[in-house]
């Protein structure tokens, strides 16, 4: 009996297959800006965070958290960031200082090309494909949070925004 029905282990994310983002606190970001590892005159991208040693590894993206808001407020500089997600407190802290947050849609392959361009051929450029339905909805939620969102046009969504809103209103 025990050979026919072997014990199967527990899978942590069996039903929730969401992407796990690397977490970055505002206090740590302020520390590296103050130290001079990051240049605030231009937009700070995920590649810059990785190269400066702010984060050690980026899998699917970076989420900015609001721990250390006091250190960031004391810094007194406006920061433009390109990250994957952020908490409400972090968004407020960045926008109060005059900074901005943006999201660039990237597939896993394009994310690897962005983070480690030396591993890819220089004469080939990768094209960003049209995002799937679920990803477009996620990006639109981020734009409502206060992000500047950039993704290739998805004609089934971008051309029919009014029709989609009318369908929701009817339901």
N, C-alpha and C. Protein backbone atom coordinates (compact mmCIF):
# COMPACT_ATOMS: atom_id res chain seq x y z
N UNK A 1 0.82 -1.20 0.00
CA UNK A 1 0.00 0.00 0.00
C UNK A 1 0.87 1.27 0.00
N UNK A 2 1.91 1.29 0.82
CA UNK A 2 2.73 2.49 0.89
C UNK A 2 3.56 2.71 -0.37
N UNK A 3 3.78 1.68 -1.17
CA UNK A 3 4.50 1.86 -2.42
C UNK A 3 3.58 2.35 -3.53
N UNK A 4 2.31 1.98 -3.47
CA UNK A 4 1.36 2.41 -4.50
C UNK A 4 0.97 3.87 -4.34
N UNK A 5 0.88 4.36 -3.11
CA UNK A 5 0.51 5.75 -2.85
C UNK A 5 1.62 6.44 -2.07
N UNK A 6 2.66 6.86 -2.76
CA UNK A 6 3.77 7.49 -2.03
C UNK A 6 3.37 8.85 -1.49
N UNK A 7 4.01 9.23 -0.41
CA UNK A 7 3.74 10.53 0.21
C UNK A 7 4.33 11.62 -0.68
N UNK A 8 3.54 12.61 -1.00
CA UNK A 8 3.97 13.71 -1.85
C UNK A 8 4.15 14.93 -0.97
N UNK A 9 5.24 15.65 -1.17
CA UNK A 9 5.54 16.81 -0.34
C UNK A 9 4.64 17.99 -0.63
N UNK A 10 4.69 18.97 0.25
CA UNK A 10 3.87 20.17 0.14
C UNK A 10 4.59 21.19 -0.74
N UNK A 11 3.89 21.73 -1.69
CA UNK A 11 4.43 22.76 -2.55
C UNK A 11 3.97 24.13 -2.05
N UNK A 12 4.94 25.00 -1.81
CA UNK A 12 4.65 26.31 -1.21
C UNK A 12 3.70 27.15 -2.08
N UNK A 13 3.99 27.27 -3.34
CA UNK A 13 3.19 28.11 -4.24
C UNK A 13 2.44 27.25 -5.25
N UNK A 14 1.74 26.25 -4.77
CA UNK A 14 1.06 25.33 -5.66
C UNK A 14 -0.03 26.03 -6.49
N UNK A 15 -0.79 26.88 -5.86
CA UNK A 15 -1.89 27.54 -6.56
C UNK A 15 -1.59 29.00 -6.89
N UNK A 16 -0.63 29.57 -6.22
CA UNK A 16 -0.27 30.96 -6.48
C UNK A 16 1.06 31.00 -7.20
N UNK A 17 1.03 31.10 -8.48
CA UNK A 17 2.24 31.08 -9.30
C UNK A 17 2.70 32.50 -9.67
N UNK A 18 2.51 33.44 -8.79
CA UNK A 18 2.88 34.81 -9.10
C UNK A 18 4.40 34.98 -9.04
N UNK A 19 4.87 35.97 -9.73
CA UNK A 19 6.31 36.25 -9.78
C UNK A 19 6.75 36.87 -8.47
N UNK A 20 7.84 36.39 -7.92
CA UNK A 20 8.38 36.92 -6.67
C UNK A 20 9.36 38.02 -7.03
N UNK A 21 9.07 39.23 -6.55
CA UNK A 21 9.90 40.39 -6.85
C UNK A 21 10.93 40.60 -5.75
N UNK A 22 12.09 41.11 -6.13
CA UNK A 22 13.14 41.45 -5.17
C UNK A 22 12.70 42.70 -4.42
N UNK A 23 12.82 42.67 -3.10
CA UNK A 23 12.36 43.79 -2.28
C UNK A 23 13.50 44.77 -2.02
N UNK A 24 13.18 46.06 -2.11
CA UNK A 24 14.14 47.12 -1.86
C UNK A 24 13.47 48.17 -0.99
N UNK A 25 14.09 48.50 0.14
CA UNK A 25 13.54 49.50 1.05
C UNK A 25 14.05 50.88 0.68
N UNK A 26 13.25 51.91 0.97
CA UNK A 26 13.64 53.29 0.69
C UNK A 26 14.88 53.70 1.47
N UNK A 27 15.02 53.18 2.69
CA UNK A 27 16.20 53.50 3.51
C UNK A 27 17.48 53.03 2.86
N UNK A 28 17.46 51.84 2.31
CA UNK A 28 18.65 51.29 1.63
C UNK A 28 18.94 52.08 0.36
N UNK A 29 17.90 52.47 -0.36
CA UNK A 29 18.08 53.28 -1.56
C UNK A 29 18.70 54.64 -1.21
N UNK A 30 18.19 55.26 -0.14
CA UNK A 30 18.72 56.55 0.31
C UNK A 30 20.18 56.43 0.73
N UNK A 31 20.53 55.32 1.38
CA UNK A 31 21.91 55.10 1.81
C UNK A 31 22.85 55.04 0.62
N UNK A 32 22.47 54.32 -0.44
CA UNK A 32 23.33 54.19 -1.61
C UNK A 32 23.39 55.48 -2.43
N UNK A 33 22.31 56.26 -2.41
CA UNK A 33 22.35 57.56 -3.09
C UNK A 33 23.28 58.50 -2.34
N UNK A 34 23.17 58.50 -1.02
CA UNK A 34 24.01 59.36 -0.19
C UNK A 34 25.49 58.97 -0.29
N UNK A 35 25.74 57.68 -0.42
CA UNK A 35 27.10 57.18 -0.53
C UNK A 35 27.72 57.52 -1.89
N UNK A 36 26.88 57.74 -2.90
CA UNK A 36 27.36 58.09 -4.23
C UNK A 36 27.36 56.93 -5.20
N UNK A 37 26.77 55.81 -4.83
CA UNK A 37 26.72 54.66 -5.73
C UNK A 37 25.72 54.85 -6.86
N UNK A 38 24.68 55.65 -6.63
CA UNK A 38 23.64 55.88 -7.63
C UNK A 38 23.59 57.34 -8.03
N UNK A 39 23.43 57.59 -9.31
CA UNK A 39 23.35 58.95 -9.84
C UNK A 39 21.89 59.34 -9.99
N UNK A 40 21.48 60.39 -9.26
CA UNK A 40 20.07 60.81 -9.30
C UNK A 40 19.77 61.78 -10.44
N UNK A 41 20.78 62.18 -11.21
CA UNK A 41 20.53 63.11 -12.30
C UNK A 41 19.80 62.43 -13.47
N UNK A 42 19.90 61.10 -13.55
CA UNK A 42 19.20 60.36 -14.59
C UNK A 42 18.28 59.33 -13.95
N UNK A 43 17.45 58.68 -14.76
CA UNK A 43 16.54 57.67 -14.25
C UNK A 43 17.33 56.46 -13.78
N UNK A 44 17.05 56.02 -12.57
CA UNK A 44 17.71 54.84 -12.01
C UNK A 44 16.93 53.61 -12.45
N UNK A 45 17.58 52.75 -13.22
CA UNK A 45 16.94 51.54 -13.71
C UNK A 45 17.37 50.35 -12.86
N UNK A 46 16.74 49.20 -13.11
CA UNK A 46 17.07 48.00 -12.34
C UNK A 46 18.50 47.56 -12.59
N UNK A 47 19.02 47.77 -13.79
CA UNK A 47 20.41 47.44 -14.09
C UNK A 47 21.36 48.26 -13.22
N UNK A 48 21.04 49.54 -13.02
CA UNK A 48 21.87 50.40 -12.19
C UNK A 48 21.88 49.92 -10.74
N UNK A 49 20.72 49.47 -10.25
CA UNK A 49 20.64 48.95 -8.89
C UNK A 49 21.49 47.70 -8.72
N UNK A 50 21.50 46.86 -9.73
CA UNK A 50 22.28 45.63 -9.68
C UNK A 50 23.77 45.91 -9.76
N UNK A 51 24.17 46.81 -10.66
CA UNK A 51 25.58 47.15 -10.84
C UNK A 51 26.16 47.87 -9.63
N UNK A 52 25.34 48.69 -8.95
CA UNK A 52 25.81 49.44 -7.79
C UNK A 52 25.85 48.58 -6.52
N UNK A 53 25.27 47.39 -6.57
CA UNK A 53 25.28 46.52 -5.41
C UNK A 53 24.16 46.82 -4.43
N UNK A 54 23.15 47.55 -4.87
CA UNK A 54 22.01 47.84 -4.00
C UNK A 54 21.21 46.57 -3.77
N UNK A 55 21.01 45.80 -4.83
CA UNK A 55 20.38 44.48 -4.74
C UNK A 55 21.37 43.47 -5.31
N UNK A 56 21.35 42.26 -4.77
CA UNK A 56 22.32 41.26 -5.21
C UNK A 56 21.81 40.43 -6.38
N UNK A 57 20.50 40.28 -6.49
CA UNK A 57 19.94 39.43 -7.53
C UNK A 57 18.54 39.93 -7.89
N UNK A 58 18.24 39.96 -9.18
CA UNK A 58 16.91 40.35 -9.64
C UNK A 58 16.38 39.22 -10.50
N UNK A 59 15.27 38.64 -10.07
CA UNK A 59 14.66 37.56 -10.84
C UNK A 59 13.63 38.09 -11.81
N UNK A 60 12.49 38.55 -11.27
CA UNK A 60 11.39 39.03 -12.11
C UNK A 60 11.24 40.55 -12.06
N UNK A 61 11.88 41.20 -11.11
CA UNK A 61 11.77 42.64 -10.99
C UNK A 61 12.06 43.10 -9.57
N UNK A 62 11.85 44.39 -9.32
CA UNK A 62 12.13 45.00 -8.02
C UNK A 62 10.87 45.67 -7.51
N UNK A 63 10.56 45.45 -6.23
CA UNK A 63 9.44 46.13 -5.58
C UNK A 63 10.02 47.06 -4.53
N UNK A 64 9.63 48.32 -4.58
CA UNK A 64 10.10 49.33 -3.63
C UNK A 64 9.16 49.38 -2.45
N UNK A 65 9.73 49.24 -1.24
CA UNK A 65 8.94 49.27 -0.01
C UNK A 65 9.25 50.53 0.78
N UNK A 66 8.36 50.91 1.70
CA UNK A 66 8.46 52.21 2.36
C UNK A 66 9.24 52.19 3.66
N UNK A 67 9.94 51.12 3.99
CA UNK A 67 10.73 51.11 5.22
C UNK A 67 11.93 52.05 5.05
N UNK A 68 12.09 52.96 5.97
CA UNK A 68 13.17 53.93 5.89
C UNK A 68 12.76 55.23 5.21
N UNK A 69 11.49 55.58 5.29
CA UNK A 69 10.99 56.82 4.66
C UNK A 69 11.68 58.04 5.27
N UNK A 70 11.99 57.99 6.56
CA UNK A 70 12.63 59.13 7.24
C UNK A 70 13.99 59.42 6.63
N UNK A 71 14.78 58.38 6.36
CA UNK A 71 16.11 58.57 5.76
C UNK A 71 15.99 59.14 4.35
N UNK A 72 14.98 58.67 3.61
CA UNK A 72 14.79 59.16 2.25
C UNK A 72 14.32 60.61 2.27
N UNK A 73 13.45 60.96 3.21
CA UNK A 73 12.97 62.34 3.31
C UNK A 73 14.11 63.28 3.71
N UNK A 74 15.01 62.80 4.57
CA UNK A 74 16.15 63.62 4.98
C UNK A 74 17.14 63.83 3.84
N UNK A 75 17.13 62.95 2.88
CA UNK A 75 18.03 63.05 1.73
C UNK A 75 17.74 64.30 0.92
N UNK A 76 16.45 64.58 0.69
CA UNK A 76 16.02 65.81 0.03
C UNK A 76 16.28 65.88 -1.45
N UNK A 77 16.42 64.76 -2.13
CA UNK A 77 16.64 64.76 -3.58
C UNK A 77 15.45 64.11 -4.27
N UNK A 78 15.16 64.59 -5.47
CA UNK A 78 14.11 63.93 -6.27
C UNK A 78 14.75 62.78 -7.04
N UNK A 79 14.05 61.65 -7.06
CA UNK A 79 14.59 60.44 -7.67
C UNK A 79 13.60 59.92 -8.70
N UNK A 80 14.10 59.61 -9.88
CA UNK A 80 13.29 58.98 -10.92
C UNK A 80 13.71 57.52 -10.99
N UNK A 81 12.76 56.61 -10.77
CA UNK A 81 13.05 55.18 -10.73
C UNK A 81 12.27 54.43 -11.79
N UNK A 82 12.89 53.40 -12.34
CA UNK A 82 12.20 52.46 -13.22
C UNK A 82 12.25 51.10 -12.55
N UNK A 83 11.12 50.69 -11.94
CA UNK A 83 11.04 49.45 -11.19
C UNK A 83 9.77 48.70 -11.59
N UNK A 84 9.53 47.56 -10.93
CA UNK A 84 8.37 46.75 -11.29
C UNK A 84 7.12 47.07 -10.49
N UNK A 85 7.29 47.42 -9.19
CA UNK A 85 6.14 47.68 -8.33
C UNK A 85 6.62 48.48 -7.13
N UNK A 86 5.67 49.05 -6.39
CA UNK A 86 6.01 49.81 -5.18
C UNK A 86 4.80 49.83 -4.25
N UNK A 87 5.08 50.01 -2.97
CA UNK A 87 3.99 50.13 -2.00
C UNK A 87 3.45 51.56 -2.02
N UNK A 88 2.27 51.75 -1.41
CA UNK A 88 1.65 53.07 -1.42
C UNK A 88 2.50 54.11 -0.70
N UNK A 89 3.08 53.72 0.43
CA UNK A 89 3.93 54.64 1.19
C UNK A 89 5.16 55.06 0.41
N UNK A 90 5.75 54.12 -0.33
CA UNK A 90 6.93 54.44 -1.13
C UNK A 90 6.57 55.37 -2.29
N UNK A 91 5.41 55.14 -2.89
CA UNK A 91 4.97 56.00 -4.00
C UNK A 91 4.76 57.42 -3.50
N UNK A 92 4.12 57.58 -2.34
CA UNK A 92 3.89 58.91 -1.78
C UNK A 92 5.20 59.60 -1.45
N UNK A 93 6.15 58.87 -0.87
CA UNK A 93 7.43 59.46 -0.49
C UNK A 93 8.21 59.94 -1.72
N UNK A 94 8.20 59.16 -2.79
CA UNK A 94 8.91 59.54 -4.01
C UNK A 94 8.25 60.76 -4.65
N UNK A 95 6.90 60.75 -4.72
CA UNK A 95 6.20 61.85 -5.38
C UNK A 95 6.24 63.14 -4.56
N UNK A 96 6.34 63.05 -3.24
CA UNK A 96 6.44 64.26 -2.41
C UNK A 96 7.74 65.00 -2.67
N UNK A 97 8.79 64.27 -2.97
CA UNK A 97 10.09 64.88 -3.27
C UNK A 97 10.23 65.33 -4.72
N UNK A 98 9.19 65.11 -5.53
CA UNK A 98 9.22 65.54 -6.92
C UNK A 98 9.76 64.48 -7.87
N UNK A 99 9.90 63.27 -7.41
CA UNK A 99 10.39 62.19 -8.25
C UNK A 99 9.26 61.50 -8.99
N UNK A 100 9.62 60.52 -9.79
CA UNK A 100 8.61 59.78 -10.54
C UNK A 100 8.98 58.30 -10.57
N UNK A 101 7.96 57.48 -10.77
CA UNK A 101 8.13 56.04 -10.88
C UNK A 101 7.61 55.59 -12.23
N UNK A 102 8.34 54.70 -12.88
CA UNK A 102 7.90 54.20 -14.17
C UNK A 102 8.09 52.69 -14.23
N UNK A 103 7.30 52.06 -15.11
CA UNK A 103 7.37 50.63 -15.34
C UNK A 103 7.53 50.39 -16.82
N UNK A 104 8.47 49.54 -17.17
CA UNK A 104 8.67 49.14 -18.56
C UNK A 104 8.33 47.67 -18.66
N UNK A 105 7.39 47.30 -19.54
CA UNK A 105 7.02 45.90 -19.70
C UNK A 105 8.18 45.13 -20.31
N UNK A 106 8.58 44.04 -19.65
CA UNK A 106 9.66 43.20 -20.15
C UNK A 106 9.30 41.73 -19.95
N UNK A 107 9.54 40.91 -20.97
CA UNK A 107 9.42 39.47 -20.83
C UNK A 107 10.65 38.96 -20.09
N UNK A 108 10.66 37.71 -19.61
CA UNK A 108 11.85 37.22 -18.91
C UNK A 108 13.14 37.30 -19.74
N UNK A 109 13.06 37.03 -21.03
CA UNK A 109 14.25 37.11 -21.88
C UNK A 109 14.73 38.54 -22.02
N UNK A 110 13.83 39.47 -22.20
CA UNK A 110 14.21 40.87 -22.34
C UNK A 110 14.72 41.42 -21.01
N UNK A 111 14.18 40.90 -19.89
CA UNK A 111 14.68 41.30 -18.57
C UNK A 111 16.13 40.85 -18.40
N UNK A 112 16.44 39.63 -18.83
CA UNK A 112 17.84 39.17 -18.75
C UNK A 112 18.74 40.00 -19.64
N UNK A 113 18.25 40.37 -20.82
CA UNK A 113 19.03 41.22 -21.72
C UNK A 113 19.25 42.59 -21.10
N UNK A 114 18.27 43.11 -20.39
CA UNK A 114 18.39 44.42 -19.75
C UNK A 114 19.40 44.37 -18.60
N UNK A 115 19.34 43.30 -17.78
CA UNK A 115 20.21 43.21 -16.62
C UNK A 115 21.64 42.83 -16.97
N UNK A 116 21.81 41.93 -17.93
CA UNK A 116 23.14 41.44 -18.29
C UNK A 116 23.32 41.49 -19.81
N UNK A 117 23.51 42.68 -20.36
CA UNK A 117 23.59 42.80 -21.82
C UNK A 117 24.84 42.16 -22.41
N UNK A 118 25.88 41.97 -21.61
CA UNK A 118 27.12 41.38 -22.11
C UNK A 118 26.96 39.90 -22.46
N UNK A 119 25.88 39.26 -22.03
CA UNK A 119 25.65 37.86 -22.35
C UNK A 119 24.91 37.67 -23.68
N UNK A 120 24.52 38.75 -24.33
CA UNK A 120 23.76 38.69 -25.57
C UNK A 120 24.58 39.29 -26.71
N UNK A 121 24.25 38.89 -27.94
CA UNK A 121 24.91 39.44 -29.11
C UNK A 121 24.60 40.92 -29.23
N UNK A 122 25.62 41.71 -29.55
CA UNK A 122 25.42 43.16 -29.65
C UNK A 122 24.76 43.55 -30.97
N UNK A 123 24.91 42.73 -32.02
CA UNK A 123 24.35 43.10 -33.31
C UNK A 123 22.88 42.69 -33.44
N UNK A 124 22.34 41.97 -32.46
CA UNK A 124 20.93 41.60 -32.50
C UNK A 124 20.16 42.41 -31.46
N UNK A 125 19.01 42.92 -31.86
CA UNK A 125 18.16 43.61 -30.91
C UNK A 125 16.89 42.80 -30.71
N UNK A 126 16.49 42.69 -29.46
CA UNK A 126 15.29 41.94 -29.12
C UNK A 126 14.08 42.86 -29.17
N UNK A 127 13.02 42.39 -29.77
CA UNK A 127 11.79 43.17 -29.84
C UNK A 127 10.88 42.79 -28.68
N UNK A 128 10.23 43.78 -28.12
CA UNK A 128 9.30 43.54 -27.02
C UNK A 128 7.96 43.12 -27.62
N UNK A 129 7.46 41.92 -27.26
CA UNK A 129 6.19 41.48 -27.83
C UNK A 129 5.00 42.14 -27.15
N UNK A 130 3.85 41.97 -27.76
CA UNK A 130 2.61 42.50 -27.19
C UNK A 130 2.31 41.76 -25.89
N UNK A 131 2.00 42.46 -24.81
CA UNK A 131 1.75 41.78 -23.53
C UNK A 131 0.42 41.02 -23.55
N UNK A 132 0.35 39.92 -22.78
CA UNK A 132 -0.91 39.19 -22.69
C UNK A 132 -1.95 39.96 -21.86
N UNK A 133 -3.18 39.48 -21.91
CA UNK A 133 -4.31 40.14 -21.26
C UNK A 133 -4.06 40.38 -19.77
N UNK A 134 -3.61 39.35 -19.08
CA UNK A 134 -3.38 39.45 -17.63
C UNK A 134 -2.32 40.51 -17.32
N UNK A 135 -1.29 40.57 -18.14
CA UNK A 135 -0.21 41.52 -17.92
C UNK A 135 -0.68 42.96 -18.18
N UNK A 136 -1.52 43.15 -19.18
CA UNK A 136 -2.04 44.49 -19.47
C UNK A 136 -2.89 44.99 -18.31
N UNK A 137 -3.71 44.10 -17.74
CA UNK A 137 -4.52 44.50 -16.58
C UNK A 137 -3.65 44.89 -15.40
N UNK A 138 -2.56 44.14 -15.18
CA UNK A 138 -1.64 44.47 -14.09
C UNK A 138 -0.97 45.82 -14.33
N UNK A 139 -0.56 46.08 -15.56
CA UNK A 139 0.08 47.35 -15.89
C UNK A 139 -0.90 48.52 -15.75
N UNK A 140 -2.15 48.31 -16.09
CA UNK A 140 -3.15 49.36 -15.93
C UNK A 140 -3.42 49.66 -14.45
N UNK A 141 -3.37 48.61 -13.61
CA UNK A 141 -3.51 48.83 -12.16
C UNK A 141 -2.35 49.65 -11.63
N UNK A 142 -1.15 49.40 -12.15
CA UNK A 142 0.01 50.17 -11.73
C UNK A 142 -0.10 51.63 -12.17
N UNK A 143 -0.68 51.87 -13.35
CA UNK A 143 -0.85 53.26 -13.80
C UNK A 143 -1.85 54.00 -12.92
N UNK A 144 -2.85 53.29 -12.38
CA UNK A 144 -3.79 53.92 -11.45
C UNK A 144 -3.13 54.24 -10.11
N UNK A 145 -2.10 53.46 -9.74
CA UNK A 145 -1.36 53.71 -8.50
C UNK A 145 -0.53 54.99 -8.59
N UNK A 146 -0.12 55.36 -9.80
CA UNK A 146 0.69 56.57 -9.97
C UNK A 146 1.96 56.33 -10.75
N UNK A 147 2.08 55.19 -11.40
CA UNK A 147 3.24 54.87 -12.21
C UNK A 147 3.06 55.40 -13.63
N UNK A 148 4.18 55.63 -14.31
CA UNK A 148 4.16 55.89 -15.74
C UNK A 148 4.46 54.56 -16.41
N UNK A 149 3.51 54.02 -17.16
CA UNK A 149 3.60 52.67 -17.70
C UNK A 149 3.90 52.72 -19.20
N UNK A 150 4.88 51.91 -19.63
CA UNK A 150 5.24 51.80 -21.04
C UNK A 150 5.16 50.35 -21.47
N UNK A 151 4.35 50.07 -22.48
CA UNK A 151 4.28 48.73 -23.06
C UNK A 151 3.82 48.86 -24.50
N UNK A 152 4.17 47.88 -25.34
CA UNK A 152 3.72 47.94 -26.74
C UNK A 152 2.20 47.90 -26.81
N UNK A 153 1.66 48.52 -27.81
CA UNK A 153 0.20 48.60 -27.89
C UNK A 153 -0.39 47.21 -28.10
N UNK A 154 -1.41 46.95 -27.34
CA UNK A 154 -2.18 45.72 -27.48
C UNK A 154 -3.52 46.12 -28.11
N UNK A 155 -3.69 45.92 -29.42
CA UNK A 155 -4.87 46.46 -30.10
C UNK A 155 -6.19 45.97 -29.53
N UNK A 156 -6.23 44.76 -29.02
CA UNK A 156 -7.46 44.24 -28.45
C UNK A 156 -7.87 44.99 -27.19
N UNK A 157 -6.90 45.70 -26.56
CA UNK A 157 -7.22 46.49 -25.36
C UNK A 157 -7.19 47.98 -25.64
N UNK A 158 -6.11 48.47 -26.22
CA UNK A 158 -5.94 49.91 -26.41
C UNK A 158 -6.95 50.51 -27.39
N UNK A 159 -7.36 49.72 -28.39
CA UNK A 159 -8.34 50.23 -29.36
C UNK A 159 -9.78 50.12 -28.86
N UNK A 160 -10.00 49.31 -27.84
CA UNK A 160 -11.36 49.04 -27.37
C UNK A 160 -11.58 49.43 -25.90
N UNK A 161 -10.87 50.42 -25.41
CA UNK A 161 -10.99 50.81 -24.00
C UNK A 161 -12.41 51.26 -23.68
N UNK A 162 -13.02 52.05 -24.56
CA UNK A 162 -14.37 52.55 -24.30
C UNK A 162 -15.39 51.40 -24.31
N UNK A 163 -15.24 50.46 -25.23
CA UNK A 163 -16.16 49.32 -25.30
C UNK A 163 -16.03 48.45 -24.07
N UNK A 164 -14.84 48.29 -23.56
CA UNK A 164 -14.61 47.48 -22.35
C UNK A 164 -15.26 48.17 -21.15
N UNK A 165 -15.15 49.49 -21.07
CA UNK A 165 -15.79 50.22 -19.96
C UNK A 165 -17.30 50.14 -20.04
N UNK A 166 -17.87 50.20 -21.24
CA UNK A 166 -19.31 50.06 -21.40
C UNK A 166 -19.79 48.68 -20.99
N UNK A 167 -19.04 47.65 -21.33
CA UNK A 167 -19.38 46.28 -20.93
C UNK A 167 -19.39 46.14 -19.41
N UNK A 168 -18.40 46.76 -18.76
CA UNK A 168 -18.34 46.70 -17.29
C UNK A 168 -19.53 47.43 -16.68
N UNK A 169 -19.89 48.55 -17.26
CA UNK A 169 -21.02 49.33 -16.73
C UNK A 169 -22.33 48.56 -16.89
N UNK A 170 -22.49 47.85 -18.00
CA UNK A 170 -23.70 47.06 -18.21
C UNK A 170 -23.81 45.90 -17.24
N UNK A 171 -22.68 45.28 -16.91
CA UNK A 171 -22.69 44.15 -15.99
C UNK A 171 -22.95 44.62 -14.58
